[in-house]
């Protein structure tokens, strides 16, 4: 992680404008077509939930604005961003697991399954709040939601970590779609960057071979 040059940033005005908001986060939710991703996972025996996490992590690592973090009042850019996600326990409570970004969907699936299996051997509720080089992820597999609001402690504006959520996938006129929500710090990103994220995720799914 290295310091980001705000002075030469084309978003300097937007950064200065939103950085001191009491709640500077904005949320956008939309459906993503995942027909090909779902069939690809079935064909190659991949976890669909891990595949979704891989696709969003891959896309986020190619958009600078989602790799920006605030630390001690300064902006930094992460070299690589990883993802922490909720994992459902057998008693229907949840815990957190952390998945490092990988270069392929197969490696992410392989390592991710090991992470989950090790977690099941000794379930602990641990949140890695101090790691800035992650995004916070979750899955709500019971609901095809159209919007979502996150619980916040009130000090997250001082770090700017994005939050993402996948919902329950559903069929619409023969096409499988999944709700996807992203919440971002408006001092660090805009709607344009969210649109770019959605486009990249769709592109990566279409390019699966």
Protein backbone atom coordinates (compact mmCIF):
# COMPACT_ATOMS: atom_id res chain seq x y z
CA UNK A 1 0.00 0.00 0.00
CA UNK A 2 1.43 3.37 -1.00
CA UNK A 3 0.28 6.95 -0.62
CA UNK A 4 -1.97 8.20 -3.40
CA UNK A 5 -1.39 11.63 -4.94
CA UNK A 6 -4.68 13.44 -4.30
CA UNK A 7 -3.35 16.75 -5.67
CA UNK A 8 -3.10 15.36 -9.21
CA UNK A 9 -6.34 13.38 -8.99
CA UNK A 10 -9.17 14.38 -11.33
CA UNK A 11 -11.53 13.69 -8.40
CA UNK A 12 -9.78 15.98 -5.92
CA UNK A 13 -12.84 18.25 -5.65
CA UNK A 14 -15.19 15.30 -5.06
CA UNK A 15 -12.81 13.84 -2.49
CA UNK A 16 -12.62 17.08 -0.54
CA UNK A 17 -16.38 17.53 -0.78
CA UNK A 18 -17.43 14.10 0.55
CA UNK A 19 -14.60 13.08 2.89
CA UNK A 20 -16.08 14.73 5.99
CA UNK A 21 -19.67 13.62 5.47
CA UNK A 22 -21.16 11.92 8.50
CA UNK A 23 -22.25 9.09 6.20
CA UNK A 24 -20.34 9.35 2.89
CA UNK A 25 -21.33 5.89 1.64
CA UNK A 26 -23.66 5.29 -1.29
CA UNK A 27 -25.18 1.97 -2.33
CA UNK A 28 -26.16 0.67 -5.75
CA UNK A 29 -27.94 -2.65 -6.30
CA UNK A 30 -28.66 -4.31 -9.64
CA UNK A 31 -29.04 -7.78 -11.12
CA UNK A 32 -26.19 -9.47 -12.95
CA UNK A 33 -26.74 -12.26 -15.47
CA UNK A 34 -24.93 -15.35 -14.23
CA UNK A 35 -26.34 -18.13 -16.47
CA UNK A 36 -22.91 -18.88 -17.92
CA UNK A 37 -21.16 -18.65 -14.55
CA UNK A 38 -23.60 -21.09 -12.96
CA UNK A 39 -23.28 -23.64 -15.77
CA UNK A 40 -19.48 -23.17 -15.79
CA UNK A 41 -19.33 -23.94 -12.07
CA UNK A 42 -21.44 -27.08 -12.53
CA UNK A 43 -19.28 -28.20 -15.46
CA UNK A 44 -16.01 -27.78 -13.55
CA UNK A 45 -17.24 -28.66 -10.03
CA UNK A 46 -16.60 -25.16 -8.73
CA UNK A 47 -18.35 -23.46 -5.82
CA UNK A 48 -20.76 -20.91 -7.24
CA UNK A 49 -20.47 -18.67 -4.19
CA UNK A 50 -16.67 -18.68 -4.38
CA UNK A 51 -16.87 -18.02 -8.12
CA UNK A 52 -18.96 -14.91 -7.44
CA UNK A 53 -16.38 -13.69 -4.92
CA UNK A 54 -13.60 -14.33 -7.45
CA UNK A 55 -15.35 -12.39 -10.21
CA UNK A 56 -15.95 -9.31 -8.06
CA UNK A 57 -12.44 -9.40 -6.57
CA UNK A 58 -10.89 -9.71 -10.02
CA UNK A 59 -12.89 -6.72 -11.25
CA UNK A 60 -12.19 -4.56 -8.20
CA UNK A 61 -8.46 -5.15 -8.55
CA UNK A 62 -8.61 -3.52 -11.99
CA UNK A 63 -10.35 -0.33 -10.81
CA UNK A 64 -8.09 2.03 -8.87
CA UNK A 65 -10.91 3.81 -7.06
CA UNK A 66 -11.99 0.61 -5.30
CA UNK A 67 -8.41 0.01 -4.15
CA UNK A 68 -8.17 3.40 -2.41
CA UNK A 69 -8.27 3.61 1.37
CA UNK A 70 -8.05 6.39 3.92
CA UNK A 71 -5.54 6.11 6.76
CA UNK A 72 -4.77 8.86 9.25
CA UNK A 73 -6.45 11.39 6.99
CA UNK A 74 -4.40 10.48 3.90
CA UNK A 75 -5.37 8.43 0.84
CA UNK A 76 -3.48 5.25 0.00
CA UNK A 77 -3.81 2.77 -2.85
CA UNK A 78 -3.58 -0.97 -2.16
CA UNK A 79 -1.34 -3.10 -4.35
CA UNK A 80 -3.84 -5.94 -4.30
CA UNK A 81 -7.26 -6.18 -2.71
CA UNK A 82 -8.59 -9.38 -1.13
CA UNK A 83 -12.05 -10.20 0.20
CA UNK A 84 -13.50 -11.15 3.55
CA UNK A 85 -16.91 -12.75 3.43
CA UNK A 86 -19.54 -14.12 5.76
CA UNK A 87 -19.77 -17.91 6.00
CA UNK A 88 -22.89 -19.69 7.24
CA UNK A 89 -22.30 -22.02 10.17
CA UNK A 90 -24.22 -25.24 10.79
CA UNK A 91 -26.34 -23.57 13.48
CA UNK A 92 -27.32 -20.81 10.99
CA UNK A 93 -25.10 -18.24 12.70
CA UNK A 94 -22.30 -16.78 10.62
CA UNK A 95 -18.57 -16.15 10.82
CA UNK A 96 -16.01 -14.46 8.62
CA UNK A 97 -13.51 -16.07 6.26
CA UNK A 98 -10.79 -14.30 4.32
CA UNK A 99 -9.89 -15.17 0.74
CA UNK A 100 -6.74 -13.91 -0.94
CA UNK A 101 -7.02 -12.82 -4.54
CA UNK A 102 -5.83 -15.49 -6.97
CA UNK A 103 -4.85 -15.40 -10.63
CA UNK A 104 -7.51 -17.88 -11.77
CA UNK A 105 -11.00 -18.97 -10.80
CA UNK A 106 -9.72 -22.53 -10.32
CA UNK A 107 -7.00 -21.47 -7.87
CA UNK A 108 -9.46 -19.24 -6.00
CA UNK A 109 -11.88 -22.16 -5.73
CA UNK A 110 -9.17 -24.56 -4.57
CA UNK A 111 -7.75 -22.23 -1.91
CA UNK A 112 -11.20 -20.98 -0.91
CA UNK A 113 -12.50 -24.47 -0.21
CA UNK A 114 -9.48 -25.14 2.00
CA UNK A 115 -10.11 -21.89 3.90
CA UNK A 116 -13.75 -22.86 4.49
CA UNK A 117 -12.87 -26.42 5.50
CA UNK A 118 -10.27 -25.21 8.00
CA UNK A 119 -12.80 -22.72 9.34
CA UNK A 120 -15.32 -25.50 9.98
CA UNK A 121 -12.76 -27.38 12.07
CA UNK A 122 -12.54 -24.54 14.53
CA UNK A 123 -15.31 -22.00 14.05
CA UNK A 124 -14.45 -18.58 15.43
CA UNK A 125 -16.18 -15.25 15.05
CA UNK A 126 -13.26 -13.04 14.08
CA UNK A 127 -13.41 -9.83 12.08
CA UNK A 128 -10.22 -8.50 10.55
CA UNK A 129 -11.20 -4.85 10.93
CA UNK A 130 -7.65 -3.52 10.83
CA UNK A 131 -6.79 -4.87 7.38
CA UNK A 132 -7.42 -2.13 4.83
CA UNK A 133 -6.50 -4.22 1.78
CA UNK A 134 -9.80 -6.09 1.75
CA UNK A 135 -13.39 -5.55 0.76
CA UNK A 136 -16.17 -6.70 3.06
CA UNK A 137 -18.40 -9.28 1.42
CA UNK A 138 -21.55 -11.17 2.28
CA UNK A 139 -24.17 -13.42 0.74
CA UNK A 140 -27.88 -13.47 1.46
CA UNK A 141 -28.81 -16.69 -0.39
CA UNK A 142 -32.43 -16.69 0.79
CA UNK A 143 -33.57 -13.39 -0.75
CA UNK A 144 -33.47 -11.91 -4.25
CA UNK A 145 -33.26 -8.44 -2.76
CA UNK A 146 -33.62 -5.14 -4.59
CA UNK A 147 -31.77 -3.05 -2.03
CA UNK A 148 -29.80 -3.42 1.18
CA UNK A 149 -28.44 -1.34 4.05
CA UNK A 150 -25.32 -2.29 6.01
CA UNK A 151 -24.71 -2.10 9.72
CA UNK A 152 -21.94 0.41 10.46
CA UNK A 153 -20.00 1.33 13.59
CA UNK A 154 -19.73 4.96 12.56
CA UNK A 155 -15.99 5.19 11.99
CA UNK A 156 -15.77 3.48 8.59
CA UNK A 157 -15.71 6.83 6.83
CA UNK A 158 -12.13 7.08 8.09
CA UNK A 159 -11.06 4.01 6.07
CA UNK A 160 -13.41 3.79 3.08
CA UNK A 161 -13.56 -0.01 2.71
CA UNK A 162 -16.27 -1.03 0.19
CA UNK A 163 -18.95 -3.58 1.07
CA UNK A 164 -20.49 -6.02 -1.42
CA UNK A 165 -23.40 -8.45 -1.12
CA UNK A 166 -24.73 -11.20 -3.40
CA UNK A 167 -28.34 -12.33 -3.06
CA UNK A 168 -30.34 -15.36 -4.14
CA UNK A 169 -30.06 -16.09 -7.84
CA UNK A 170 -33.30 -16.46 -9.77
CA UNK A 171 -34.63 -17.26 -13.22
CA UNK A 172 -36.14 -14.54 -15.39
CA UNK A 173 -37.40 -15.57 -18.83
CA UNK A 174 -34.87 -18.39 -19.02
CA UNK A 175 -31.96 -16.23 -17.85
CA UNK A 176 -30.33 -16.72 -14.44
CA UNK A 177 -29.65 -13.49 -12.58
CA UNK A 178 -28.28 -12.61 -9.15
CA UNK A 179 -28.75 -9.43 -7.10
CA UNK A 180 -25.48 -7.67 -6.44
CA UNK A 181 -25.00 -4.70 -4.14
CA UNK A 182 -21.95 -2.52 -3.64
CA UNK A 183 -21.55 0.23 -1.08
CA UNK A 184 -18.68 2.65 -1.66
CA UNK A 185 -17.20 5.74 0.00
CA UNK A 186 -18.24 8.71 -2.16
CA UNK A 187 -14.99 10.54 -1.46
CA UNK A 188 -13.16 7.67 -3.18
CA UNK A 189 -15.53 6.55 -5.92
CA UNK A 190 -18.59 7.59 -7.94
CA UNK A 191 -21.44 5.94 -9.79
CA UNK A 192 -19.25 5.76 -12.90
CA UNK A 193 -16.85 3.42 -11.11
CA UNK A 194 -19.72 1.23 -9.90
CA UNK A 195 -20.97 0.98 -13.49
CA UNK A 196 -17.45 0.04 -14.57
CA UNK A 197 -17.39 -2.68 -11.91
CA UNK A 198 -20.68 -4.15 -13.13
CA UNK A 199 -19.44 -4.08 -16.74
CA UNK A 200 -16.18 -5.82 -15.87
CA UNK A 201 -17.97 -8.53 -13.89
CA UNK A 202 -20.30 -9.20 -16.83
CA UNK A 203 -17.35 -9.25 -19.20
CA UNK A 204 -15.38 -11.78 -17.13
CA UNK A 205 -18.40 -14.09 -16.96
CA UNK A 206 -18.87 -13.93 -20.72
CA UNK A 207 -15.18 -14.68 -21.29
CA UNK A 208 -15.21 -17.91 -19.24
CA UNK A 209 -13.93 -20.86 -21.30
